[in-house]
Amino acid sequence: MDDTGVEDGAILLMSLGEEEAAEVFKFLNPKEAQKIGAAMARLKNVPREKIDAVLTKFHDEVDTQSSIGLDSDAYVRGVLNRALGEKKAKFVLDRIVAGGDTSGIEGLKWMDAATVAELIKSEHPQIIASILVHLERDHAAGILNQLSDRLRGDVVMRIATLDGIHPQALRELNDSIAGLLSGSGNMKQAAMGGVRTAAEILNFVGSSSETGILDAMRAVDEEIAQSITDEMFVFDNLIDVDDKGIQSLLKEVQSDSLVVALKGASPELREKILKNMSSRAAETLREDLESKGPVRVSEVEAEQKEMLKIVRRLVDEGQIMLGGKGGDDGFI
């Protein structure tokens, strides 16, 4: 969501009652809630013309109101408390209204990567790994990028070899997150971590950081490093690239290579590719796929890997990003 969309969303929610706005907030993830909440807190005396324009855009109606934001802090507090409960709401309010600090894993989800990295960088690598697997992959990658090269490799290795987390391990965190597992002494071990988790996090760290991390891991365990690399390059993950990115990719791929690569693709990915081509090109590709005889699996995988190399280059050039992830350094 761009800045204009965030502001419009904030105006729309401020035009609703607290109860209705709270219902909307329940469907937002932490990043969205913080963005919208911060925008709402900044609104002061919004002109009626702006309100009307937003309401028209959203095809909605609003009660007569000449301005918004006369007591926006109180309104935001009321909405977030209704939507998230007092505990979670405090994490947001401390960041966007009061500017205070928060603690615990829930608190980390609402904090920016640099702040979290500063908080946990002195912890044991195993503790850092245990924290990162609880966070969204792009958030964890952003935190990882803030750590030293040596520490990053160690942390990712531990994520890749982590097959479960017992609550006791997380209790080793410092005082700012000491309440993380309060009341959870009887919890069963959670199946988190592993090669796939490590790969998903590395997908977002950026190519230069990724190379350094994997090189450090290969020096310790080449097999695990290779397993992570293999998981990172899943051709069907192209389904997550937005339409503009797919169109940029198609400009770089030869038709013959594309036909072979798509022989091993999911139906959903095939359709995504086809819908981003001209009608004539899409029809030709459909015919080629139907007429193409059996292809060796090794040939399909080779062409898919070549396409993924192109994807990574385009990501580094800023022409492709994973759909819905934001930022400029995510890649497949």
C-alpha atoms as a PDB file:
ATOM      1  CA  MET A   1       0.000   0.000   0.000  1.00  0.00           C
ATOM      2  CA  ASP A   2       1.499   3.364  -1.026  1.00  0.00           C
ATOM      3  CA  ASP A   3       1.450   6.547   1.100  1.00  0.00           C
ATOM      4  CA  THR A   4      -1.706   7.828  -0.598  1.00  0.00           C
ATOM      5  CA  GLY A   5      -3.491   4.545   0.038  1.00  0.00           C
ATOM      6  CA  VAL A   6      -2.460   4.584   3.684  1.00  0.00           C
ATOM      7  CA  GLU A   7      -3.731   8.128   4.171  1.00  0.00           C
ATOM      8  CA  ASP A   8      -6.999   7.381   2.388  1.00  0.00           C
ATOM      9  CA  GLY A   9      -7.471   4.272   4.493  1.00  0.00           C
ATOM     10  CA  ALA A  10      -6.844   6.281   7.650  1.00  0.00           C
ATOM     11  CA  ILE A  11      -9.403   8.925   6.634  1.00  0.00           C
ATOM     12  CA  LEU A  12     -11.968   6.256   5.821  1.00  0.00           C
ATOM     13  CA  LEU A  13     -11.507   4.543   9.184  1.00  0.00           C
ATOM     14  CA  MET A  14     -11.678   7.858  11.012  1.00  0.00           C
ATOM     15  CA  SER A  15     -14.986   8.454   9.231  1.00  0.00           C
ATOM     16  CA  LEU A  16     -16.388   5.253  10.704  1.00  0.00           C
ATOM     17  CA  GLY A  17     -17.311   4.723  14.320  1.00  0.00           C
ATOM     18  CA  GLU A  18     -14.826   3.121  16.701  1.00  0.00           C
ATOM     19  CA  GLU A  19     -16.655  -0.204  16.622  1.00  0.00           C
ATOM     20  CA  GLU A  20     -16.686  -0.405  12.817  1.00  0.00           C
ATOM     21  CA  ALA A  21     -13.077   0.720  12.509  1.00  0.00           C
ATOM     22  CA  ALA A  22     -12.079  -1.844  15.129  1.00  0.00           C
ATOM     23  CA  GLU A  23     -13.642  -4.607  13.031  1.00  0.00           C
ATOM     24  CA  VAL A  24     -11.485  -3.537  10.076  1.00  0.00           C
ATOM     25  CA  PHE A  25      -8.329  -3.506  12.212  1.00  0.00           C
ATOM     26  CA  LYS A  26      -8.891  -7.137  13.145  1.00  0.00           C
ATOM     27  CA  PHE A  27      -8.086  -8.096   9.556  1.00  0.00           C
ATOM     28  CA  LEU A  28      -4.806  -6.153   9.367  1.00  0.00           C
ATOM     29  CA  ASN A  29      -1.378  -7.658   9.960  1.00  0.00           C
ATOM     30  CA  PRO A  30       1.077  -5.897  12.323  1.00  0.00           C
ATOM     31  CA  LYS A  31       2.711  -3.813   9.583  1.00  0.00           C
ATOM     32  CA  GLU A  32      -0.610  -2.697   8.141  1.00  0.00           C
ATOM     33  CA  ALA A  33      -2.034  -1.900  11.567  1.00  0.00           C
ATOM     34  CA  GLN A  34       0.981   0.209  12.472  1.00  0.00           C
ATOM     35  CA  LYS A  35       0.974   2.085   9.133  1.00  0.00           C
ATOM     36  CA  ILE A  36      -2.746   2.837   9.255  1.00  0.00           C
ATOM     37  CA  GLY A  37      -2.672   3.612  12.976  1.00  0.00           C
ATOM     38  CA  ALA A  38       0.237   6.020  12.565  1.00  0.00           C
ATOM     39  CA  ALA A  39      -1.539   7.749   9.677  1.00  0.00           C
ATOM     40  CA  MET A  40      -4.702   8.072  11.770  1.00  0.00           C
ATOM     41  CA  ALA A  41      -2.726   9.584  14.634  1.00  0.00           C
ATOM     42  CA  ARG A  42      -1.256  12.189  12.271  1.00  0.00           C
ATOM     43  CA  LEU A  43      -4.616  13.332  10.886  1.00  0.00           C
ATOM     44  CA  LYS A  44      -5.548  16.832  12.023  1.00  0.00           C
ATOM     45  CA  ASN A  45      -8.474  18.866  10.660  1.00  0.00           C
ATOM     46  CA  VAL A  46      -8.881  17.068   7.355  1.00  0.00           C
ATOM     47  CA  PRO A  47     -10.873  19.254   4.917  1.00  0.00           C
ATOM     48  CA  ARG A  48     -14.384  18.148   4.073  1.00  0.00           C
ATOM     49  CA  GLU A  49     -13.435  18.063   0.375  1.00  0.00           C
ATOM     50  CA  LYS A  50     -10.762  15.481   1.107  1.00  0.00           C
ATOM     51  CA  ILE A  51     -13.179  13.366   3.112  1.00  0.00           C
ATOM     52  CA  ASP A  52     -15.730  13.473   0.303  1.00  0.00           C
ATOM     53  CA  ALA A  53     -13.100  12.473  -2.243  1.00  0.00           C
ATOM     54  CA  VAL A  54     -12.033   9.480  -0.157  1.00  0.00           C
ATOM     55  CA  LEU A  55     -15.586   8.357   0.507  1.00  0.00           C
ATOM     56  CA  THR A  56     -16.434   8.625  -3.175  1.00  0.00           C
ATOM     57  CA  LYS A  57     -13.357   6.562  -3.974  1.00  0.00           C
ATOM     58  CA  PHE A  58     -14.442   3.832  -1.586  1.00  0.00           C
ATOM     59  CA  HIS A  59     -18.104   4.049  -2.672  1.00  0.00           C
ATOM     60  CA  ASP A  60     -19.252   4.625   0.884  1.00  0.00           C
ATOM     61  CA  GLU A  61     -21.266   7.169   2.847  1.00  0.00           C
ATOM     62  CA  VAL A  62     -20.309   9.137   5.945  1.00  0.00           C
ATOM     63  CA  ASP A  63     -22.285  11.194   8.450  1.00  0.00           C
ATOM     64  CA  THR A  64     -21.990  14.985   8.211  1.00  0.00           C
ATOM     65  CA  GLN A  65     -18.614  15.980   9.566  1.00  0.00           C
ATOM     66  CA  SER A  66     -16.524  19.066   8.835  1.00  0.00           C
ATOM     67  CA  SER A  67     -13.189  17.814  10.088  1.00  0.00           C
ATOM     68  CA  ILE A  68     -11.363  14.797  11.446  1.00  0.00           C
ATOM     69  CA  GLY A  69      -8.645  14.458  14.003  1.00  0.00           C
ATOM     70  CA  LEU A  70      -9.615  16.860  16.792  1.00  0.00           C
ATOM     71  CA  ASP A  71      -8.876  14.104  19.290  1.00  0.00           C
ATOM     72  CA  SER A  72      -7.233  11.498  17.052  1.00  0.00           C
ATOM     73  CA  ASP A  73      -5.024  10.024  19.793  1.00  0.00           C
ATOM     74  CA  ALA A  74      -8.035   9.087  21.905  1.00  0.00           C
ATOM     75  CA  TYR A  75      -9.854   7.721  18.858  1.00  0.00           C
ATOM     76  CA  VAL A  76      -6.882   5.549  17.833  1.00  0.00           C
ATOM     77  CA  ARG A  77      -6.562   4.223  21.372  1.00  0.00           C
ATOM     78  CA  GLY A  78     -10.233   3.303  21.431  1.00  0.00           C
ATOM     79  CA  VAL A  79     -10.122   1.581  18.040  1.00  0.00           C
ATOM     80  CA  LEU A  80      -6.966  -0.419  18.742  1.00  0.00           C
ATOM     81  CA  ASN A  81      -8.130  -1.509  22.181  1.00  0.00           C
ATOM     82  CA  ARG A  82     -11.385  -2.798  20.683  1.00  0.00           C
ATOM     83  CA  ALA A  83      -9.676  -4.500  17.751  1.00  0.00           C
ATOM     84  CA  LEU A  84      -6.567  -6.000  19.323  1.00  0.00           C
ATOM     85  CA  GLY A  85      -7.214  -6.117  23.049  1.00  0.00           C
ATOM     86  CA  GLU A  86      -5.367  -3.964  25.564  1.00  0.00           C
ATOM     87  CA  LYS A  87      -2.112  -5.953  25.505  1.00  0.00           C
ATOM     88  CA  LYS A  88      -1.547  -5.944  21.733  1.00  0.00           C
ATOM     89  CA  ALA A  89      -2.934  -2.445  21.395  1.00  0.00           C
ATOM     90  CA  LYS A  90      -0.305  -1.192  23.819  1.00  0.00           C
ATOM     91  CA  PHE A  91       2.455  -2.476  21.546  1.00  0.00           C
ATOM     92  CA  VAL A  92       1.079  -0.356  18.693  1.00  0.00           C
ATOM     93  CA  LEU A  93       0.207   2.683  20.790  1.00  0.00           C
ATOM     94  CA  ASP A  94       3.627   2.769  22.408  1.00  0.00           C
ATOM     95  CA  ARG A  95       5.148   2.991  18.937  1.00  0.00           C
ATOM     96  CA  ILE A  96       2.797   5.387  17.142  1.00  0.00           C
ATOM     97  CA  VAL A  97       1.369   7.542  19.925  1.00  0.00           C
ATOM     98  CA  ALA A  98       3.502   7.456  23.057  1.00  0.00           C
ATOM     99  CA  GLY A  99       6.759   6.326  21.458  1.00  0.00           C
ATOM    100  CA  GLY A 100       7.549   3.983  24.353  1.00  0.00           C
ATOM    101  CA  ASP A 101       9.373   0.672  24.312  1.00  0.00           C
ATOM    102  CA  THR A 102       7.736  -2.751  24.173  1.00  0.00           C
ATOM    103  CA  SER A 103       8.898  -6.256  25.000  1.00  0.00           C
ATOM    104  CA  GLY A 104       8.273  -9.886  24.171  1.00  0.00           C
ATOM    105  CA  ILE A 105       7.846 -11.644  20.869  1.00  0.00           C
ATOM    106  CA  GLU A 106       4.556  -9.838  20.229  1.00  0.00           C
ATOM    107  CA  GLY A 107       6.334  -6.563  20.801  1.00  0.00           C
ATOM    108  CA  LEU A 108       9.109  -7.489  18.369  1.00  0.00           C
ATOM    109  CA  LYS A 109       6.530  -8.000  15.615  1.00  0.00           C
ATOM    110  CA  TRP A 110       5.608  -4.316  15.838  1.00  0.00           C
ATOM    111  CA  MET A 111       9.190  -2.991  15.986  1.00  0.00           C
ATOM    112  CA  ASP A 112      11.404  -2.050  13.054  1.00  0.00           C
ATOM    113  CA  ALA A 113      14.283  -4.363  12.090  1.00  0.00           C
ATOM    114  CA  ALA A 114      17.067  -2.063  13.278  1.00  0.00           C
ATOM    115  CA  THR A 115      15.537  -1.729  16.743  1.00  0.00           C
ATOM    116  CA  VAL A 116      15.066  -5.475  17.119  1.00  0.00           C
ATOM    117  CA  ALA A 117      18.622  -6.157  15.927  1.00  0.00           C
ATOM    118  CA  GLU A 118      20.008  -3.709  18.471  1.00  0.00           C
ATOM    119  CA  LEU A 119      17.960  -5.402  21.176  1.00  0.00           C
ATOM    120  CA  ILE A 120      19.052  -8.972  20.430  1.00  0.00           C
ATOM    121  CA  LYS A 121      22.495  -8.670  18.819  1.00  0.00           C
ATOM    122  CA  SER A 122      24.308  -9.561  22.064  1.00  0.00           C
ATOM    123  CA  GLU A 123      22.211 -12.645  22.703  1.00  0.00           C
ATOM    124  CA  HIS A 124      23.494 -16.143  22.022  1.00  0.00           C
ATOM    125  CA  PRO A 125      23.047 -17.094  18.322  1.00  0.00           C
ATOM    126  CA  GLN A 126      20.696 -19.903  19.338  1.00  0.00           C
ATOM    127  CA  ILE A 127      18.443 -17.407  21.099  1.00  0.00           C
ATOM    128  CA  ILE A 128      18.502 -15.078  18.099  1.00  0.00           C
ATOM    129  CA  ALA A 129      17.589 -17.992  15.819  1.00  0.00           C
ATOM    130  CA  SER A 130      14.728 -18.929  18.128  1.00  0.00           C
ATOM    131  CA  ILE A 131      13.413 -15.368  17.951  1.00  0.00           C
ATOM    132  CA  LEU A 132      13.674 -14.979  14.173  1.00  0.00           C
ATOM    133  CA  VAL A 133      11.677 -18.120  13.365  1.00  0.00           C
ATOM    134  CA  HIS A 134       8.710 -16.585  15.192  1.00  0.00           C
ATOM    135  CA  LEU A 135       8.666 -13.494  12.963  1.00  0.00           C
ATOM    136  CA  GLU A 136       7.494 -12.840   9.409  1.00  0.00           C
ATOM    137  CA  ARG A 137      10.202 -13.937   6.975  1.00  0.00           C
ATOM    138  CA  ASP A 138      10.842 -10.483   5.512  1.00  0.00           C
ATOM    139  CA  HIS A 139      10.972  -8.969   9.007  1.00  0.00           C
ATOM    140  CA  ALA A 140      13.445 -11.642  10.131  1.00  0.00           C
ATOM    141  CA  ALA A 141      15.555 -10.982   7.023  1.00  0.00           C
ATOM    142  CA  GLY A 142      15.634  -7.264   7.771  1.00  0.00           C
ATOM    143  CA  ILE A 143      16.877  -8.017  11.306  1.00  0.00           C
ATOM    144  CA  LEU A 144      19.441 -10.465   9.967  1.00  0.00           C
ATOM    145  CA  ASN A 145      20.808  -7.785   7.641  1.00  0.00           C
ATOM    146  CA  GLN A 146      21.545  -5.600  10.670  1.00  0.00           C
ATOM    147  CA  LEU A 147      23.779  -8.212  12.303  1.00  0.00           C
ATOM    148  CA  SER A 148      27.488  -8.762  11.679  1.00  0.00           C
ATOM    149  CA  ASP A 149      28.569 -11.068   8.846  1.00  0.00           C
ATOM    150  CA  ARG A 150      29.923 -13.694  11.204  1.00  0.00           C
ATOM    151  CA  LEU A 151      26.854 -13.657  13.423  1.00  0.00           C
ATOM    152  CA  ARG A 152      24.466 -13.905  10.453  1.00  0.00           C
ATOM    153  CA  GLY A 153      26.045 -17.108   9.191  1.00  0.00           C
ATOM    154  CA  ASP A 154      25.922 -18.651  12.645  1.00  0.00           C
ATOM    155  CA  VAL A 155      22.291 -17.664  13.165  1.00  0.00           C
ATOM    156  CA  VAL A 156      21.110 -19.009   9.789  1.00  0.00           C
ATOM    157  CA  MET A 157      22.951 -22.277  10.398  1.00  0.00           C
ATOM    158  CA  ARG A 158      21.107 -22.644  13.693  1.00  0.00           C
ATOM    159  CA  ILE A 159      17.779 -21.834  12.049  1.00  0.00           C
ATOM    160  CA  ALA A 160      18.439 -24.488   9.401  1.00  0.00           C
ATOM    161  CA  THR A 161      19.237 -27.148  12.008  1.00  0.00           C
ATOM    162  CA  LEU A 162      16.466 -26.154  14.399  1.00  0.00           C
ATOM    163  CA  ASP A 163      13.747 -28.801  14.512  1.00  0.00           C
ATOM    164  CA  GLY A 164      11.835 -27.564  17.538  1.00  0.00           C
ATOM    165  CA  ILE A 165      11.809 -24.895  20.217  1.00  0.00           C
ATOM    166  CA  HIS A 166      11.078 -25.576  23.849  1.00  0.00           C
ATOM    167  CA  PRO A 167       9.747 -22.613  25.858  1.00  0.00           C
ATOM    168  CA  GLN A 168      12.695 -22.895  28.254  1.00  0.00           C
ATOM    169  CA  ALA A 169      15.142 -21.939  25.503  1.00  0.00           C
ATOM    170  CA  LEU A 170      13.342 -18.652  24.910  1.00  0.00           C
ATOM    171  CA  ARG A 171      13.474 -17.717  28.588  1.00  0.00           C
ATOM    172  CA  GLU A 172      17.187 -16.933  28.135  1.00  0.00           C
ATOM    173  CA  LEU A 173      16.301 -13.602  26.567  1.00  0.00           C
ATOM    174  CA  ASN A 174      17.234 -10.415  28.406  1.00  0.00           C
ATOM    175  CA  ASP A 175      14.827  -8.513  30.640  1.00  0.00           C
ATOM    176  CA  SER A 176      13.179  -6.624  27.771  1.00  0.00           C
ATOM    177  CA  ILE A 177      11.710  -9.899  26.479  1.00  0.00           C
ATOM    178  CA  ALA A 178      11.792 -11.936  29.698  1.00  0.00           C
ATOM    179  CA  GLY A 179       7.987 -12.236  29.776  1.00  0.00           C
ATOM    180  CA  LEU A 180       7.835 -13.915  26.371  1.00  0.00           C
ATOM    181  CA  LEU A 181       6.564 -17.287  27.530  1.00  0.00           C
ATOM    182  CA  SER A 182       4.804 -16.249  30.692  1.00  0.00           C
ATOM    183  CA  GLY A 183       2.411 -18.973  31.769  1.00  0.00           C
ATOM    184  CA  SER A 184       3.496 -21.360  29.034  1.00  0.00           C
ATOM    185  CA  GLY A 185       5.525 -23.829  31.058  1.00  0.00           C
ATOM    186  CA  ASN A 186       3.342 -26.706  29.941  1.00  0.00           C
ATOM    187  CA  MET A 187       3.555 -25.896  26.256  1.00  0.00           C
ATOM    188  CA  LYS A 188       4.672 -28.651  23.941  1.00  0.00           C
ATOM    189  CA  GLN A 189       7.749 -28.193  21.800  1.00  0.00           C
ATOM    190  CA  ALA A 190       6.870 -26.236  18.673  1.00  0.00           C
ATOM    191  CA  ALA A 191       7.986 -27.502  15.282  1.00  0.00           C
ATOM    192  CA  MET A 192       9.698 -24.387  13.965  1.00  0.00           C
ATOM    193  CA  GLY A 193      12.907 -23.740  12.097  1.00  0.00           C
ATOM    194  CA  GLY A 194      14.596 -26.058   9.614  1.00  0.00           C
ATOM    195  CA  VAL A 195      16.144 -25.698   6.177  1.00  0.00           C
ATOM    196  CA  ARG A 196      12.957 -24.355   4.593  1.00  0.00           C
ATOM    197  CA  THR A 197      12.609 -21.609   7.217  1.00  0.00           C
ATOM    198  CA  ALA A 198      16.246 -20.611   6.747  1.00  0.00           C
ATOM    199  CA  ALA A 199      15.730 -20.478   2.977  1.00  0.00           C
ATOM    200  CA  GLU A 200      12.564 -18.386   3.297  1.00  0.00           C
ATOM    201  CA  ILE A 201      14.415 -15.846   5.445  1.00  0.00           C
ATOM    202  CA  LEU A 202      17.401 -15.717   3.103  1.00  0.00           C
ATOM    203  CA  ASN A 203      15.028 -15.074   0.216  1.00  0.00           C
ATOM    204  CA  PHE A 204      14.615 -11.560   1.608  1.00  0.00           C
ATOM    205  CA  VAL A 205      18.103 -10.551   2.760  1.00  0.00           C
ATOM    206  CA  GLY A 206      19.409  -9.359  -0.634  1.00  0.00           C
ATOM    207  CA  SER A 207      21.914 -11.078  -2.892  1.00  0.00           C
ATOM    208  CA  SER A 208      25.111  -9.587  -1.449  1.00  0.00           C
ATOM    209  CA  SER A 209      24.206 -10.540   2.120  1.00  0.00           C
ATOM    210  CA  GLU A 210      22.957 -13.939   1.019  1.00  0.00           C
ATOM    211  CA  THR A 211      26.253 -14.767  -0.690  1.00  0.00           C
ATOM    212  CA  GLY A 212      28.252 -13.921   2.407  1.00  0.00           C
ATOM    213  CA  ILE A 213      25.959 -15.897   4.694  1.00  0.00           C
ATOM    214  CA  LEU A 214      25.981 -18.998   2.501  1.00  0.00           C
ATOM    215  CA  ASP A 215      29.773 -18.828   2.049  1.00  0.00           C
ATOM    216  CA  ALA A 216      30.187 -18.738   5.825  1.00  0.00           C
ATOM    217  CA  MET A 217      27.810 -21.681   6.193  1.00  0.00           C
ATOM    218  CA  ARG A 218      29.590 -23.739   3.526  1.00  0.00           C
ATOM    219  CA  ALA A 219      32.788 -23.435   5.535  1.00  0.00           C
ATOM    220  CA  VAL A 220      30.982 -25.109   8.436  1.00  0.00           C
ATOM    221  CA  ASP A 221      28.602 -27.536   6.706  1.00  0.00           C
ATOM    222  CA  GLU A 222      28.507 -27.576   2.910  1.00  0.00           C
ATOM    223  CA  GLU A 223      25.604 -30.035   2.799  1.00  0.00           C
ATOM    224  CA  ILE A 224      23.261 -27.834   4.833  1.00  0.00           C
ATOM    225  CA  ALA A 225      24.286 -24.746   2.863  1.00  0.00           C
ATOM    226  CA  GLN A 226      23.466 -26.549  -0.378  1.00  0.00           C
ATOM    227  CA  SER A 227      20.137 -27.746   1.007  1.00  0.00           C
ATOM    228  CA  ILE A 228      19.203 -24.160   1.818  1.00  0.00           C
ATOM    229  CA  THR A 229      20.271 -22.997  -1.638  1.00  0.00           C
ATOM    230  CA  ASP A 230      18.117 -25.678  -3.254  1.00  0.00           C
ATOM    231  CA  GLU A 231      15.086 -24.624  -1.204  1.00  0.00           C
ATOM    232  CA  MET A 232      15.558 -20.980  -2.147  1.00  0.00           C
ATOM    233  CA  PHE A 233      15.282 -21.632  -5.859  1.00  0.00           C
ATOM    234  CA  VAL A 234      11.835 -23.138  -6.219  1.00  0.00           C
ATOM    235  CA  PHE A 235      10.519 -22.351  -9.688  1.00  0.00           C
ATOM    236  CA  ASP A 236       6.874 -22.360  -8.629  1.00  0.00           C
ATOM    237  CA  ASN A 237       7.685 -19.479  -6.277  1.00  0.00           C
ATOM    238  CA  LEU A 238       7.463 -17.294  -9.362  1.00  0.00           C
ATOM    239  CA  ILE A 239       3.730 -17.288  -8.593  1.00  0.00           C
ATOM    240  CA  ASP A 240       4.591 -14.694  -5.898  1.00  0.00           C
ATOM    241  CA  VAL A 241       6.122 -12.234  -8.367  1.00  0.00           C
ATOM    242  CA  ASP A 242       3.753  -9.430  -9.330  1.00  0.00           C
ATOM    243  CA  ASP A 243       2.485  -9.027 -12.905  1.00  0.00           C
ATOM    244  CA  LYS A 244       4.898  -6.238 -13.736  1.00  0.00           C
ATOM    245  CA  GLY A 245       7.784  -8.431 -12.609  1.00  0.00           C
ATOM    246  CA  ILE A 246       6.583 -11.361 -14.708  1.00  0.00           C
ATOM    247  CA  GLN A 247       6.395  -9.076 -17.742  1.00  0.00           C
ATOM    248  CA  SER A 248       9.978  -7.926 -17.127  1.00  0.00           C
ATOM    249  CA  LEU A 249      11.091 -11.553 -16.860  1.00  0.00           C
ATOM    250  CA  LEU A 250       9.373 -12.573 -20.099  1.00  0.00           C
ATOM    251  CA  LYS A 251      11.314  -9.914 -22.004  1.00  0.00           C
ATOM    252  CA  GLU A 252      14.529 -11.700 -21.007  1.00  0.00           C
ATOM    253  CA  VAL A 253      13.553 -15.325 -21.703  1.00  0.00           C
ATOM    254  CA  GLN A 254      13.695 -17.079 -25.061  1.00  0.00           C
ATOM    255  CA  SER A 255      10.458 -18.761 -26.186  1.00  0.00           C
ATOM    256  CA  ASP A 256      12.023 -22.225 -26.488  1.00  0.00           C
ATOM    257  CA  SER A 257      13.477 -22.017 -22.978  1.00  0.00           C
ATOM    258  CA  LEU A 258      10.147 -20.832 -21.582  1.00  0.00           C
ATOM    259  CA  VAL A 259       8.278 -23.779 -23.134  1.00  0.00           C
ATOM    260  CA  VAL A 260      10.662 -26.299 -21.587  1.00  0.00           C
ATOM    261  CA  ALA A 261      10.643 -24.578 -18.171  1.00  0.00           C
ATOM    262  CA  LEU A 262       6.832 -24.456 -18.065  1.00  0.00           C
ATOM    263  CA  LYS A 263       6.557 -28.186 -18.820  1.00  0.00           C
ATOM    264  CA  GLY A 264       7.320 -28.719 -15.144  1.00  0.00           C
ATOM    265  CA  ALA A 265       5.339 -25.779 -13.762  1.00  0.00           C
ATOM    266  CA  SER A 266       2.078 -25.835 -11.851  1.00  0.00           C
ATOM    267  CA  PRO A 267      -1.135 -24.991 -13.758  1.00  0.00           C
ATOM    268  CA  GLU A 268      -1.478 -21.828 -11.674  1.00  0.00           C
ATOM    269  CA  LEU A 269       1.987 -20.607 -12.645  1.00  0.00           C
ATOM    270  CA  ARG A 270       1.363 -21.392 -16.308  1.00  0.00           C
ATOM    271  CA  GLU A 271      -1.790 -19.299 -16.262  1.00  0.00           C
ATOM    272  CA  LYS A 272       0.004 -16.446 -14.507  1.00  0.00           C
ATOM    273  CA  ILE A 273       2.655 -16.454 -17.231  1.00  0.00           C
ATOM    274  CA  LEU A 274       0.069 -16.640 -20.008  1.00  0.00           C
ATOM    275  CA  LYS A 275      -2.047 -13.771 -18.689  1.00  0.00           C
ATOM    276  CA  ASN A 276       1.004 -11.511 -18.750  1.00  0.00           C
ATOM    277  CA  MET A 277       1.586 -12.092 -22.469  1.00  0.00           C
ATOM    278  CA  SER A 278      -0.158 -10.607 -25.468  1.00  0.00           C
ATOM    279  CA  SER A 279      -3.087 -12.639 -26.795  1.00  0.00           C
ATOM    280  CA  ARG A 280      -1.080 -13.777 -29.804  1.00  0.00           C
ATOM    281  CA  ALA A 281       1.998 -14.725 -27.777  1.00  0.00           C
ATOM    282  CA  ALA A 282      -0.123 -16.550 -25.210  1.00  0.00           C
ATOM    283  CA  GLU A 283      -1.897 -18.545 -27.914  1.00  0.00           C
ATOM    284  CA  THR A 284       1.432 -19.489 -29.492  1.00  0.00           C
ATOM    285  CA  LEU A 285       2.795 -20.597 -26.118  1.00  0.00           C
ATOM    286  CA  ARG A 286      -0.282 -22.728 -25.439  1.00  0.00           C
ATOM    287  CA  GLU A 287       0.144 -24.437 -28.800  1.00  0.00           C
ATOM    288  CA  ASP A 288       3.855 -25.015 -28.188  1.00  0.00           C
ATOM    289  CA  LEU A 289       3.170 -26.533 -24.767  1.00  0.00           C
ATOM    290  CA  GLU A 290       0.559 -28.869 -26.229  1.00  0.00           C
ATOM    291  CA  SER A 291       2.701 -29.942 -29.172  1.00  0.00           C
ATOM    292  CA  LYS A 292       5.933 -30.294 -27.194  1.00  0.00           C
ATOM    293  CA  GLY A 293       6.697 -33.938 -26.568  1.00  0.00           C
ATOM    294  CA  PRO A 294       8.066 -35.436 -23.347  1.00  0.00           C
ATOM    295  CA  VAL A 295      11.039 -33.559 -21.899  1.00  0.00           C
ATOM    296  CA  ARG A 296      13.648 -34.951 -19.534  1.00  0.00           C
ATOM    297  CA  VAL A 297      13.276 -33.735 -15.981  1.00  0.00           C
ATOM    298  CA  SER A 298      16.916 -32.645 -16.009  1.00  0.00           C
ATOM    299  CA  GLU A 299      16.240 -30.400 -19.022  1.00  0.00           C
ATOM    300  CA  VAL A 300      13.215 -28.829 -17.359  1.00  0.00           C
ATOM    301  CA  GLU A 301      15.132 -28.151 -14.147  1.00  0.00           C
ATOM    302  CA  ALA A 302      18.059 -26.670 -16.076  1.00  0.00           C
ATOM    303  CA  GLU A 303      15.828 -24.189 -17.894  1.00  0.00           C
ATOM    304  CA  GLN A 304      14.010 -23.297 -14.686  1.00  0.00           C
ATOM    305  CA  LYS A 305      17.303 -22.553 -12.949  1.00  0.00           C
ATOM    306  CA  GLU A 306      18.367 -20.343 -15.835  1.00  0.00           C
ATOM    307  CA  MET A 307      15.131 -18.397 -15.524  1.00  0.00           C
ATOM    308  CA  LEU A 308      15.663 -18.001 -11.788  1.00  0.00           C
ATOM    309  CA  LYS A 309      19.131 -16.577 -12.436  1.00  0.00           C
ATOM    310  CA  ILE A 310      17.469 -13.950 -14.602  1.00  0.00           C
ATOM    311  CA  VAL A 311      14.929 -13.279 -11.830  1.00  0.00           C
ATOM    312  CA  ARG A 312      17.686 -12.642  -9.316  1.00  0.00           C
ATOM    313  CA  ARG A 313      19.461 -10.250 -11.665  1.00  0.00           C
ATOM    314  CA  LEU A 314      16.230  -8.345 -12.275  1.00  0.00           C
ATOM    315  CA  VAL A 315      15.615  -8.191  -8.518  1.00  0.00           C
ATOM    316  CA  ASP A 316      19.064  -6.708  -7.984  1.00  0.00           C
ATOM    317  CA  GLU A 317      18.272  -4.154 -10.691  1.00  0.00           C
ATOM    318  CA  GLY A 318      15.010  -3.268  -8.968  1.00  0.00           C
ATOM    319  CA  GLN A 319      12.784  -4.547 -11.759  1.00  0.00           C
ATOM    320  CA  ILE A 320      11.271  -7.451  -9.795  1.00  0.00           C
ATOM    321  CA  MET A 321      10.110  -7.897  -6.243  1.00  0.00           C
ATOM    322  CA  LEU A 322       8.001 -10.487  -4.527  1.00  0.00           C
ATOM    323  CA  GLY A 323       4.318  -9.500  -4.690  1.00  0.00           C
ATOM    324  CA  GLY A 324       2.949  -8.018  -1.442  1.00  0.00           C
ATOM    325  CA  LYS A 325       6.244  -8.015   0.417  1.00  0.00           C
ATOM    326  CA  GLY A 326       7.307  -4.454  -0.053  1.00  0.00           C
ATOM    327  CA  GLY A 327      10.882  -3.302   0.185  1.00  0.00           C
ATOM    328  CA  ASP A 328      13.433  -3.441  -2.594  1.00  0.00           C
ATOM    329  CA  ASP A 329      15.641  -6.341  -1.677  1.00  0.00           C
ATOM    330  CA  GLY A 330      13.349  -9.372  -1.610  1.00  0.00           C
ATOM    331  CA  PHE A 331      14.034 -12.102  -4.112  1.00  0.00           C
ATOM    332  CA  ILE A 332      13.323 -15.688  -4.941  1.00  0.00           C
END
